Amino acid sequence: MFSQPLGNWRRVSVRERKTSLDFAEETAHLLDVDFPDAEVVVLVMDNLNTHTIGSLYKRFPPDKAREYAKRLEIHDTPKHGSWLNVAEIELSILTKQCLNRRIGDIETYRREIEAWQNARNDTEKGIHWQFTTTDAHAKLKRLYTQF
C-alpha cells in the first residue's frame, strides 16, 4: 500500500508474494505513473527486508535504478513501530471494511480491494493522524537523546 495522507489518496496492490522485485516494480509504478512530475517522493516504510534501494538495482539496469533512487527520500519506521506508519492505519481500515470475510481467489481479492481503494479515493477519505512530537518523545523516549 502507498498512501498520501494529505492528498487523501492511496493505492493498494495485491501480489502473490512480497519479494524485492515486487517492491521495485511497485516503487517504479509510484514514480512513473502515480507521481511522474514529483522531483522527490517521500516514503515512510516499515523495515521489511525487501524495502530497500537495493531492490531497485535487482530489478532495473543500474542507470534506471539510480534514476529512481535519486527521486526517493526514505524514512524507516523504528523496529516494532509499524503503528507509526500512516499506511498501516489504512491497512487496518482496509482489513475491517473489505477483508473481514474469506475471499476464495486472488482475482476476486484484487477486484474487492480495487473497489475499496477507488471508493476511498473518490470520497477523498482522509487519514486522521493524531501522533504528535510530544507523543513521540513520551512513547519513544529510549530512542531520543537525553539531556
Foldseek 3Di string as FASTA:
>chain_A
DDDDQVQLADDDDDDPDDALLVVLVVLCCCCVPVPVPQQADEEEEEVDPSPDLVSVVVHDPPVVSVSSVSRYDYHYADHVGCVVPLVVVVVVVCCVPQVVDDDDDDVVVRVSSVVVNCVSVVVSPHRDDDQDPVNCCVVVVVPDDDD
